[in-house]
Amino acid sequence: MEKDDLAKSSDKSIESGGFVSQNLYKDGIPNQSLANDHLGIENISVEPSKLYEAVSALKNYGFNYLECQGGYDEGPGKNLVSFYHFITVDDLQKIRKIKEVRLKVFLKRDSNLSIPSLYKIFKGSDWQERETYDMFGINFIDHPNPKRLLMPEDWRGWPLRKDYIQPDFYELQDAY
């Protein structure tokens, strides 16, 4: 493949991405455009090291509200995923004109499960990131209060992982 052919094929892959993905790429933020969901919301994958940069760019594009952050497990031996759903809220009277985008960070289960916290950009990520840590074991670097939210501090394991093995018994500790 010649240099011009390579440039044309990479341009086609960029063109096949969604509008937000294309803008991130133009701003020098590598990403992968994923299929839109059933509602037509654009889904984008970014590397953990580029998450903070990508979210800062999204905020500059007008996505000024982190509607939801969460996690899910693709299955035993597969990736853990941290996802972020951003919307543009300019005028609540024009609710039908809200723009939406979803970012996903795929983490290999057997690697470093750490990604940057978005707390400095969106204060509302505080409890959402803590819940994701508590249920899946994904660590959020520079989070102001990185501890369990739903489970006791001494709980072992991550209950929403698909390979989680439930203990046979529970010890009642200092209940009353």
N, C-alpha and C. Protein backbone atom coordinates (compact mmCIF):
# COMPACT_ATOMS: atom_id res chain seq x y z
N MET A 1 0.85 -1.18 0.00
CA MET A 1 0.00 0.00 0.00
C MET A 1 0.89 1.24 0.00
N GLU A 2 0.63 2.16 -0.89
CA GLU A 2 1.42 3.38 -0.96
C GLU A 2 0.98 4.37 0.11
N LYS A 3 1.81 5.38 0.29
CA LYS A 3 1.54 6.38 1.32
C LYS A 3 0.19 7.07 1.10
N ASP A 4 -0.12 7.42 -0.17
CA ASP A 4 -1.39 8.08 -0.48
C ASP A 4 -2.58 7.17 -0.19
N ASP A 5 -2.43 5.86 -0.52
CA ASP A 5 -3.51 4.91 -0.25
C ASP A 5 -3.75 4.78 1.25
N LEU A 6 -2.63 4.78 2.02
CA LEU A 6 -2.75 4.68 3.48
C LEU A 6 -3.47 5.91 4.04
N ALA A 7 -3.13 7.07 3.54
CA ALA A 7 -3.78 8.31 4.00
C ALA A 7 -5.27 8.28 3.67
N LYS A 8 -5.61 7.79 2.45
CA LYS A 8 -7.02 7.72 2.07
C LYS A 8 -7.79 6.74 2.95
N SER A 9 -7.17 5.59 3.26
CA SER A 9 -7.88 4.61 4.10
C SER A 9 -8.05 5.12 5.51
N SER A 10 -7.05 5.86 6.04
CA SER A 10 -7.22 6.40 7.39
C SER A 10 -8.26 7.52 7.40
N ASP A 11 -8.34 8.30 6.29
CA ASP A 11 -9.37 9.34 6.19
C ASP A 11 -10.75 8.71 6.20
N LYS A 12 -10.91 7.56 5.52
CA LYS A 12 -12.20 6.88 5.49
C LYS A 12 -12.59 6.40 6.88
N SER A 13 -11.61 5.91 7.65
CA SER A 13 -11.94 5.44 9.00
C SER A 13 -12.33 6.62 9.89
N ILE A 14 -11.71 7.76 9.67
CA ILE A 14 -12.08 8.96 10.43
C ILE A 14 -13.48 9.41 10.02
N GLU A 15 -13.75 9.41 8.71
CA GLU A 15 -15.06 9.83 8.22
C GLU A 15 -16.17 8.92 8.71
N SER A 16 -15.85 7.63 8.91
CA SER A 16 -16.88 6.71 9.36
C SER A 16 -17.22 6.94 10.84
N GLY A 17 -16.35 7.64 11.57
CA GLY A 17 -16.62 7.95 12.96
C GLY A 17 -17.68 9.02 13.07
N GLY A 18 -18.21 9.17 14.27
CA GLY A 18 -19.22 10.19 14.51
C GLY A 18 -18.62 11.58 14.57
N PHE A 19 -19.48 12.57 14.66
CA PHE A 19 -19.06 13.97 14.66
C PHE A 19 -18.12 14.29 15.81
N VAL A 20 -18.45 13.83 17.01
CA VAL A 20 -17.61 14.14 18.18
C VAL A 20 -16.28 13.41 18.07
N SER A 21 -16.30 12.16 17.63
CA SER A 21 -15.07 11.39 17.45
C SER A 21 -14.14 12.09 16.46
N GLN A 22 -14.70 12.58 15.38
CA GLN A 22 -13.90 13.29 14.38
C GLN A 22 -13.26 14.54 14.97
N ASN A 23 -14.02 15.29 15.79
CA ASN A 23 -13.48 16.51 16.40
C ASN A 23 -12.38 16.18 17.41
N LEU A 24 -12.56 15.11 18.17
CA LEU A 24 -11.50 14.70 19.10
C LEU A 24 -10.23 14.36 18.33
N TYR A 25 -10.39 13.62 17.24
CA TYR A 25 -9.24 13.25 16.42
C TYR A 25 -8.55 14.49 15.86
N LYS A 26 -9.32 15.46 15.37
CA LYS A 26 -8.75 16.70 14.84
C LYS A 26 -7.99 17.47 15.91
N ASP A 27 -8.43 17.35 17.17
CA ASP A 27 -7.75 18.02 18.28
C ASP A 27 -6.59 17.20 18.83
N GLY A 28 -6.24 16.11 18.14
CA GLY A 28 -5.08 15.33 18.53
C GLY A 28 -5.33 14.32 19.64
N ILE A 29 -6.59 13.98 19.87
CA ILE A 29 -6.93 13.01 20.91
C ILE A 29 -7.32 11.71 20.24
N PRO A 30 -6.46 10.69 20.32
CA PRO A 30 -6.78 9.43 19.67
C PRO A 30 -8.00 8.78 20.31
N ASN A 31 -8.85 8.20 19.49
CA ASN A 31 -10.06 7.56 19.98
C ASN A 31 -10.54 6.57 18.93
N GLN A 32 -11.48 5.76 19.34
CA GLN A 32 -12.08 4.82 18.39
C GLN A 32 -13.58 5.03 18.43
N SER A 33 -14.16 5.27 17.28
CA SER A 33 -15.60 5.43 17.20
C SER A 33 -16.24 4.05 17.27
N LEU A 34 -17.18 3.89 18.18
CA LEU A 34 -17.92 2.64 18.32
C LEU A 34 -19.29 2.82 17.68
N ALA A 35 -20.02 1.76 17.52
CA ALA A 35 -21.35 1.86 16.94
C ALA A 35 -22.26 2.70 17.83
N ASN A 36 -23.10 3.51 17.20
CA ASN A 36 -24.09 4.28 17.96
C ASN A 36 -25.05 3.31 18.64
N ASP A 37 -25.61 3.73 19.77
CA ASP A 37 -26.57 2.84 20.44
C ASP A 37 -27.92 2.90 19.74
N HIS A 38 -28.91 2.20 20.28
CA HIS A 38 -30.22 2.10 19.62
C HIS A 38 -30.96 3.43 19.55
N LEU A 39 -30.53 4.42 20.33
CA LEU A 39 -31.14 5.74 20.28
C LEU A 39 -30.37 6.70 19.38
N GLY A 40 -29.25 6.22 18.83
CA GLY A 40 -28.43 7.05 17.96
C GLY A 40 -27.37 7.85 18.70
N ILE A 41 -27.14 7.56 19.96
CA ILE A 41 -26.14 8.28 20.74
C ILE A 41 -24.75 7.76 20.36
N GLU A 42 -23.87 8.69 20.07
CA GLU A 42 -22.52 8.34 19.65
C GLU A 42 -21.73 7.74 20.82
N ASN A 43 -21.05 6.63 20.56
CA ASN A 43 -20.20 5.96 21.54
C ASN A 43 -18.76 6.03 21.07
N ILE A 44 -17.88 6.41 21.97
CA ILE A 44 -16.47 6.58 21.65
C ILE A 44 -15.63 5.87 22.70
N SER A 45 -14.58 5.20 22.27
CA SER A 45 -13.64 4.56 23.18
C SER A 45 -12.35 5.38 23.21
N VAL A 46 -11.84 5.61 24.42
CA VAL A 46 -10.54 6.28 24.58
C VAL A 46 -9.67 5.44 25.50
N GLU A 47 -8.38 5.60 25.35
CA GLU A 47 -7.42 4.93 26.22
C GLU A 47 -7.47 5.60 27.60
N PRO A 48 -7.16 4.85 28.66
CA PRO A 48 -7.18 5.44 30.01
C PRO A 48 -6.31 6.68 30.13
N SER A 49 -5.16 6.68 29.48
CA SER A 49 -4.24 7.82 29.59
C SER A 49 -4.78 9.08 28.88
N LYS A 50 -5.77 8.92 28.00
CA LYS A 50 -6.32 10.06 27.25
C LYS A 50 -7.71 10.48 27.76
N LEU A 51 -8.20 9.82 28.80
CA LEU A 51 -9.55 10.11 29.30
C LEU A 51 -9.70 11.56 29.74
N TYR A 52 -8.81 12.03 30.60
CA TYR A 52 -8.92 13.39 31.13
C TYR A 52 -8.87 14.42 30.01
N GLU A 53 -7.96 14.21 29.07
CA GLU A 53 -7.84 15.12 27.93
C GLU A 53 -9.10 15.10 27.07
N ALA A 54 -9.65 13.92 26.83
CA ALA A 54 -10.87 13.80 26.02
C ALA A 54 -12.05 14.47 26.70
N VAL A 55 -12.19 14.28 28.01
CA VAL A 55 -13.32 14.88 28.73
C VAL A 55 -13.17 16.40 28.79
N SER A 56 -11.96 16.89 28.95
CA SER A 56 -11.75 18.34 28.92
C SER A 56 -12.17 18.91 27.57
N ALA A 57 -11.84 18.20 26.49
CA ALA A 57 -12.25 18.64 25.16
C ALA A 57 -13.77 18.61 25.02
N LEU A 58 -14.40 17.55 25.51
CA LEU A 58 -15.86 17.46 25.44
C LEU A 58 -16.52 18.63 26.16
N LYS A 59 -15.97 18.98 27.31
CA LYS A 59 -16.53 20.12 28.06
C LYS A 59 -16.38 21.41 27.24
N ASN A 60 -15.25 21.55 26.56
CA ASN A 60 -15.06 22.72 25.68
C ASN A 60 -16.01 22.71 24.50
N TYR A 61 -16.42 21.52 24.03
CA TYR A 61 -17.37 21.41 22.93
C TYR A 61 -18.79 21.73 23.38
N GLY A 62 -19.02 21.86 24.68
CA GLY A 62 -20.35 22.20 25.17
C GLY A 62 -21.04 21.09 25.94
N PHE A 63 -20.40 19.94 26.10
CA PHE A 63 -20.99 18.87 26.91
C PHE A 63 -20.70 19.20 28.37
N ASN A 64 -21.63 19.94 28.97
CA ASN A 64 -21.37 20.55 30.28
C ASN A 64 -21.98 19.80 31.46
N TYR A 65 -22.48 18.59 31.24
CA TYR A 65 -23.11 17.85 32.34
C TYR A 65 -22.77 16.37 32.22
N LEU A 66 -22.18 15.83 33.28
CA LEU A 66 -21.94 14.39 33.35
C LEU A 66 -23.19 13.76 33.92
N GLU A 67 -23.99 13.19 33.04
CA GLU A 67 -25.26 12.62 33.45
C GLU A 67 -25.08 11.32 34.21
N CYS A 68 -24.10 10.53 33.81
CA CYS A 68 -23.94 9.22 34.44
C CYS A 68 -22.52 8.72 34.24
N GLN A 69 -21.98 8.11 35.26
CA GLN A 69 -20.72 7.37 35.16
C GLN A 69 -20.98 6.03 35.79
N GLY A 70 -20.48 4.98 35.20
CA GLY A 70 -20.68 3.66 35.76
C GLY A 70 -19.69 2.68 35.20
N GLY A 71 -19.92 1.43 35.51
CA GLY A 71 -19.03 0.40 35.02
C GLY A 71 -19.82 -0.85 34.66
N TYR A 72 -19.19 -1.71 33.91
CA TYR A 72 -19.76 -3.03 33.66
C TYR A 72 -18.64 -4.00 33.32
N ASP A 73 -18.96 -5.25 33.43
CA ASP A 73 -18.03 -6.34 33.21
C ASP A 73 -18.47 -7.08 31.94
N GLU A 74 -17.56 -7.23 30.98
CA GLU A 74 -17.91 -7.91 29.74
C GLU A 74 -17.96 -9.43 29.91
N GLY A 75 -17.48 -9.94 31.04
CA GLY A 75 -17.52 -11.38 31.28
C GLY A 75 -16.22 -11.88 31.85
N PRO A 76 -16.23 -13.07 32.42
CA PRO A 76 -15.01 -13.63 33.02
C PRO A 76 -13.85 -13.66 32.01
N GLY A 77 -12.72 -13.11 32.43
CA GLY A 77 -11.54 -13.07 31.57
C GLY A 77 -11.56 -11.96 30.54
N LYS A 78 -12.65 -11.20 30.46
CA LYS A 78 -12.77 -10.12 29.47
C LYS A 78 -12.55 -8.77 30.16
N ASN A 79 -12.81 -7.70 29.43
CA ASN A 79 -12.56 -6.35 29.93
C ASN A 79 -13.56 -5.89 30.99
N LEU A 80 -13.08 -4.97 31.83
CA LEU A 80 -13.95 -4.16 32.67
C LEU A 80 -14.06 -2.81 31.97
N VAL A 81 -15.22 -2.19 32.03
CA VAL A 81 -15.45 -0.96 31.27
C VAL A 81 -15.97 0.12 32.21
N SER A 82 -15.38 1.31 32.10
CA SER A 82 -15.90 2.49 32.77
C SER A 82 -16.51 3.36 31.68
N PHE A 83 -17.78 3.74 31.87
CA PHE A 83 -18.44 4.55 30.84
C PHE A 83 -18.90 5.87 31.42
N TYR A 84 -19.03 6.85 30.54
CA TYR A 84 -19.40 8.22 30.92
C TYR A 84 -20.42 8.71 29.91
N HIS A 85 -21.55 9.21 30.39
CA HIS A 85 -22.59 9.73 29.52
C HIS A 85 -22.68 11.24 29.75
N PHE A 86 -22.34 12.00 28.72
CA PHE A 86 -22.34 13.47 28.81
C PHE A 86 -23.48 14.04 27.98
N ILE A 87 -24.06 15.14 28.48
CA ILE A 87 -25.08 15.85 27.72
C ILE A 87 -24.77 17.34 27.74
N THR A 88 -25.40 18.03 26.81
CA THR A 88 -25.33 19.48 26.76
C THR A 88 -26.63 20.02 27.32
N VAL A 89 -26.51 20.82 28.35
CA VAL A 89 -27.69 21.43 28.95
C VAL A 89 -27.51 22.95 28.87
N ASP A 90 -28.15 23.54 27.88
CA ASP A 90 -28.08 24.99 27.73
C ASP A 90 -29.34 25.66 28.26
N ASP A 91 -30.46 25.09 27.91
CA ASP A 91 -31.74 25.66 28.28
C ASP A 91 -32.70 24.51 28.54
N LEU A 92 -33.12 24.34 29.78
CA LEU A 92 -33.98 23.20 30.12
C LEU A 92 -35.32 23.26 29.41
N GLN A 93 -35.71 24.42 28.91
CA GLN A 93 -36.96 24.52 28.17
C GLN A 93 -36.85 23.85 26.81
N LYS A 94 -35.62 23.71 26.31
CA LYS A 94 -35.40 23.11 24.99
C LYS A 94 -34.87 21.69 25.17
N ILE A 95 -35.52 20.93 26.01
CA ILE A 95 -35.04 19.60 26.38
C ILE A 95 -34.87 18.69 25.17
N ARG A 96 -35.63 18.88 24.11
CA ARG A 96 -35.52 18.04 22.92
C ARG A 96 -34.24 18.29 22.14
N LYS A 97 -33.55 19.38 22.42
CA LYS A 97 -32.35 19.71 21.67
C LYS A 97 -31.07 19.34 22.43
N ILE A 98 -31.19 18.50 23.43
CA ILE A 98 -30.02 18.08 24.19
C ILE A 98 -29.14 17.19 23.32
N LYS A 99 -27.85 17.49 23.31
CA LYS A 99 -26.88 16.67 22.60
C LYS A 99 -26.27 15.70 23.62
N GLU A 100 -25.98 14.49 23.17
CA GLU A 100 -25.46 13.46 24.05
C GLU A 100 -24.29 12.74 23.41
N VAL A 101 -23.39 12.26 24.25
CA VAL A 101 -22.28 11.43 23.79
C VAL A 101 -21.86 10.53 24.95
N ARG A 102 -21.35 9.36 24.61
CA ARG A 102 -20.92 8.41 25.64
C ARG A 102 -19.48 8.01 25.38
N LEU A 103 -18.63 8.13 26.41
CA LEU A 103 -17.24 7.69 26.34
C LEU A 103 -17.11 6.38 27.09
N LYS A 104 -16.25 5.49 26.58
CA LYS A 104 -15.97 4.23 27.26
C LYS A 104 -14.47 4.02 27.34
N VAL A 105 -14.04 3.50 28.50
CA VAL A 105 -12.64 3.14 28.70
C VAL A 105 -12.62 1.65 29.00
N PHE A 106 -11.97 0.89 28.13
CA PHE A 106 -11.88 -0.56 28.29
C PHE A 106 -10.58 -0.90 29.01
N LEU A 107 -10.70 -1.67 30.09
CA LEU A 107 -9.55 -2.02 30.92
C LEU A 107 -9.39 -3.54 30.95
N LYS A 108 -8.20 -4.00 30.67
CA LYS A 108 -7.94 -5.43 30.75
C LYS A 108 -7.97 -5.85 32.22
N ARG A 109 -8.71 -6.87 32.51
CA ARG A 109 -8.93 -7.36 33.86
C ARG A 109 -7.62 -7.67 34.60
N ASP A 110 -6.64 -8.19 33.87
CA ASP A 110 -5.39 -8.60 34.51
C ASP A 110 -4.32 -7.52 34.49
N SER A 111 -4.70 -6.29 34.13
CA SER A 111 -3.73 -5.19 34.09
C SER A 111 -4.05 -4.17 35.17
N ASN A 112 -3.43 -3.03 35.06
CA ASN A 112 -3.64 -1.93 36.00
C ASN A 112 -5.05 -1.37 35.80
N LEU A 113 -5.89 -1.49 36.80
CA LEU A 113 -7.28 -1.01 36.70
C LEU A 113 -7.40 0.40 37.25
N SER A 114 -6.55 1.30 36.78
CA SER A 114 -6.56 2.68 37.25
C SER A 114 -6.80 3.63 36.09
N ILE A 115 -7.68 4.60 36.31
CA ILE A 115 -7.94 5.64 35.34
C ILE A 115 -8.07 6.97 36.08
N PRO A 116 -7.91 8.08 35.39
CA PRO A 116 -8.01 9.38 36.07
C PRO A 116 -9.43 9.65 36.57
N SER A 117 -9.51 10.26 37.73
CA SER A 117 -10.80 10.72 38.24
C SER A 117 -11.21 11.98 37.50
N LEU A 118 -12.49 12.13 37.28
CA LEU A 118 -13.00 13.35 36.62
C LEU A 118 -13.49 14.37 37.63
N TYR A 119 -13.21 14.16 38.90
CA TYR A 119 -13.72 15.03 39.96
C TYR A 119 -13.34 16.50 39.75
N LYS A 120 -12.15 16.76 39.24
CA LYS A 120 -11.71 18.15 39.05
C LYS A 120 -12.49 18.85 37.93
N ILE A 121 -13.05 18.06 37.00
CA ILE A 121 -13.83 18.64 35.90
C ILE A 121 -15.32 18.63 36.24
N PHE A 122 -15.81 17.50 36.77
CA PHE A 122 -17.22 17.33 37.12
C PHE A 122 -17.31 16.83 38.56
N LYS A 123 -17.69 17.71 39.47
CA LYS A 123 -17.78 17.33 40.90
C LYS A 123 -18.79 16.21 41.13
N GLY A 124 -19.78 16.09 40.26
CA GLY A 124 -20.80 15.05 40.39
C GLY A 124 -20.27 13.64 40.16
N SER A 125 -19.04 13.52 39.72
CA SER A 125 -18.47 12.18 39.51
C SER A 125 -18.05 11.53 40.83
N ASP A 126 -18.06 12.27 41.91
CA ASP A 126 -17.58 11.79 43.21
C ASP A 126 -18.19 10.44 43.59
N TRP A 127 -19.47 10.40 43.85
CA TRP A 127 -20.11 9.16 44.32
C TRP A 127 -20.21 8.13 43.21
N GLN A 128 -20.35 8.57 41.98
CA GLN A 128 -20.45 7.62 40.87
C GLN A 128 -19.14 6.83 40.72
N GLU A 129 -18.00 7.51 40.81
CA GLU A 129 -16.72 6.82 40.73
C GLU A 129 -16.51 5.92 41.94
N ARG A 130 -16.96 6.34 43.10
CA ARG A 130 -16.83 5.51 44.30
C ARG A 130 -17.65 4.23 44.16
N GLU A 131 -18.84 4.35 43.59
CA GLU A 131 -19.68 3.16 43.39
C GLU A 131 -19.03 2.21 42.39
N THR A 132 -18.46 2.74 41.32
CA THR A 132 -17.79 1.91 40.33
C THR A 132 -16.58 1.21 40.95
N TYR A 133 -15.85 1.92 41.79
CA TYR A 133 -14.73 1.30 42.51
C TYR A 133 -15.25 0.18 43.41
N ASP A 134 -16.30 0.47 44.15
CA ASP A 134 -16.85 -0.47 45.13
C ASP A 134 -17.37 -1.75 44.48
N MET A 135 -17.98 -1.65 43.33
CA MET A 135 -18.60 -2.81 42.69
C MET A 135 -17.69 -3.56 41.72
N PHE A 136 -16.72 -2.82 41.10
CA PHE A 136 -15.89 -3.44 40.07
C PHE A 136 -14.39 -3.41 40.35
N GLY A 137 -13.95 -2.59 41.31
CA GLY A 137 -12.53 -2.52 41.63
C GLY A 137 -11.72 -1.64 40.70
N ILE A 138 -12.36 -0.75 39.96
CA ILE A 138 -11.64 0.20 39.10
C ILE A 138 -11.23 1.38 39.97
N ASN A 139 -9.93 1.67 39.99
CA ASN A 139 -9.39 2.76 40.82
C ASN A 139 -9.39 4.06 40.04
N PHE A 140 -9.76 5.14 40.71
CA PHE A 140 -9.81 6.46 40.08
C PHE A 140 -8.71 7.32 40.69
N ILE A 141 -7.67 7.56 39.90
CA ILE A 141 -6.50 8.31 40.35
C ILE A 141 -6.90 9.75 40.69
N ASP A 142 -6.43 10.25 41.81
CA ASP A 142 -6.68 11.61 42.31
C ASP A 142 -8.12 11.83 42.75
N HIS A 143 -8.85 10.78 43.05
CA HIS A 143 -10.19 10.95 43.62
C HIS A 143 -10.02 11.45 45.05
N PRO A 144 -10.83 12.42 45.49
CA PRO A 144 -10.63 13.00 46.83
C PRO A 144 -10.99 12.07 48.00
N ASN A 145 -11.80 11.04 47.76
CA ASN A 145 -12.21 10.16 48.85
C ASN A 145 -12.37 8.73 48.33
N PRO A 146 -11.24 8.09 47.98
CA PRO A 146 -11.32 6.78 47.32
C PRO A 146 -11.56 5.63 48.28
N LYS A 147 -12.80 5.49 48.71
CA LYS A 147 -13.12 4.36 49.59
C LYS A 147 -14.48 3.81 49.21
N ARG A 148 -14.80 2.68 49.79
CA ARG A 148 -16.06 2.01 49.47
C ARG A 148 -17.25 2.90 49.82
N LEU A 149 -18.30 2.74 49.04
CA LEU A 149 -19.51 3.53 49.22
C LEU A 149 -20.67 2.67 49.70
N LEU A 150 -20.84 1.51 49.10
CA LEU A 150 -21.99 0.66 49.41
C LEU A 150 -21.64 -0.53 50.31
N MET A 151 -20.47 -1.08 50.13
CA MET A 151 -20.06 -2.26 50.88
C MET A 151 -19.25 -1.85 52.10
N PRO A 152 -19.20 -2.70 53.14
CA PRO A 152 -18.35 -2.38 54.30
C PRO A 152 -16.89 -2.25 53.87
N GLU A 153 -16.14 -1.43 54.59
CA GLU A 153 -14.74 -1.18 54.26
C GLU A 153 -13.91 -2.46 54.20
N ASP A 154 -14.26 -3.47 55.00
CA ASP A 154 -13.46 -4.70 55.04
C ASP A 154 -13.97 -5.77 54.07
N TRP A 155 -14.90 -5.40 53.19
CA TRP A 155 -15.45 -6.37 52.23
C TRP A 155 -14.36 -6.81 51.27
N ARG A 156 -14.36 -8.08 50.94
CA ARG A 156 -13.37 -8.62 50.00
C ARG A 156 -14.04 -8.88 48.66
N GLY A 157 -13.39 -8.40 47.62
CA GLY A 157 -13.89 -8.66 46.27
C GLY A 157 -14.76 -7.53 45.74
N TRP A 158 -15.22 -7.75 44.53
CA TRP A 158 -15.98 -6.74 43.78
C TRP A 158 -17.27 -7.40 43.32
N PRO A 159 -18.38 -7.17 44.03
CA PRO A 159 -19.62 -7.94 43.85
C PRO A 159 -20.26 -7.94 42.47
N LEU A 160 -20.04 -6.94 41.63
CA LEU A 160 -20.69 -6.95 40.32
C LEU A 160 -19.82 -7.50 39.20
N ARG A 161 -18.64 -7.97 39.54
CA ARG A 161 -17.84 -8.65 38.53
C ARG A 161 -18.46 -10.02 38.27
N LYS A 162 -18.44 -10.42 37.02
CA LYS A 162 -19.08 -11.68 36.66
C LYS A 162 -18.32 -12.91 37.16
N ASP A 163 -17.07 -12.72 37.57
CA ASP A 163 -16.31 -13.84 38.12
C ASP A 163 -16.26 -13.81 39.65
N TYR A 164 -17.09 -12.96 40.25
CA TYR A 164 -17.13 -12.84 41.71
C TYR A 164 -17.74 -14.10 42.31
N ILE A 165 -17.10 -14.60 43.35
CA ILE A 165 -17.61 -15.77 44.05
C ILE A 165 -18.17 -15.30 45.39
N GLN A 166 -19.46 -15.50 45.57
CA GLN A 166 -20.13 -15.05 46.79
C GLN A 166 -19.69 -15.92 47.97
N PRO A 167 -19.36 -15.29 49.09
CA PRO A 167 -18.98 -16.08 50.27
C PRO A 167 -20.14 -16.97 50.73
N ASP A 168 -19.80 -18.11 51.32
CA ASP A 168 -20.83 -19.03 51.81
C ASP A 168 -21.52 -18.51 53.07
N PHE A 169 -20.85 -17.61 53.76
CA PHE A 169 -21.43 -17.09 55.00
C PHE A 169 -21.01 -15.63 55.17
N TYR A 170 -21.77 -14.94 55.99
CA TYR A 170 -21.47 -13.55 56.30
C TYR A 170 -21.33 -13.43 57.81
N GLU A 171 -20.32 -12.76 58.24
CA GLU A 171 -20.10 -12.57 59.66
C GLU A 171 -20.76 -11.27 60.08
N LEU A 172 -21.62 -11.34 61.06
CA LEU A 172 -22.29 -10.15 61.56
C LEU A 172 -21.30 -9.38 62.44
N GLN A 173 -20.98 -8.14 62.06
CA GLN A 173 -19.98 -7.38 62.78
C GLN A 173 -20.58 -6.10 63.33
N ASP A 174 -20.55 -5.96 64.63
CA ASP A 174 -20.96 -4.71 65.28
C ASP A 174 -22.29 -4.18 64.75
N ALA A 175 -23.26 -5.06 64.61
CA ALA A 175 -24.55 -4.62 64.07
C ALA A 175 -25.26 -3.68 65.03
N TYR A 176 -25.21 -4.00 66.30
CA TYR A 176 -25.90 -3.13 67.27
C TYR A 176 -25.06 -2.91 68.49
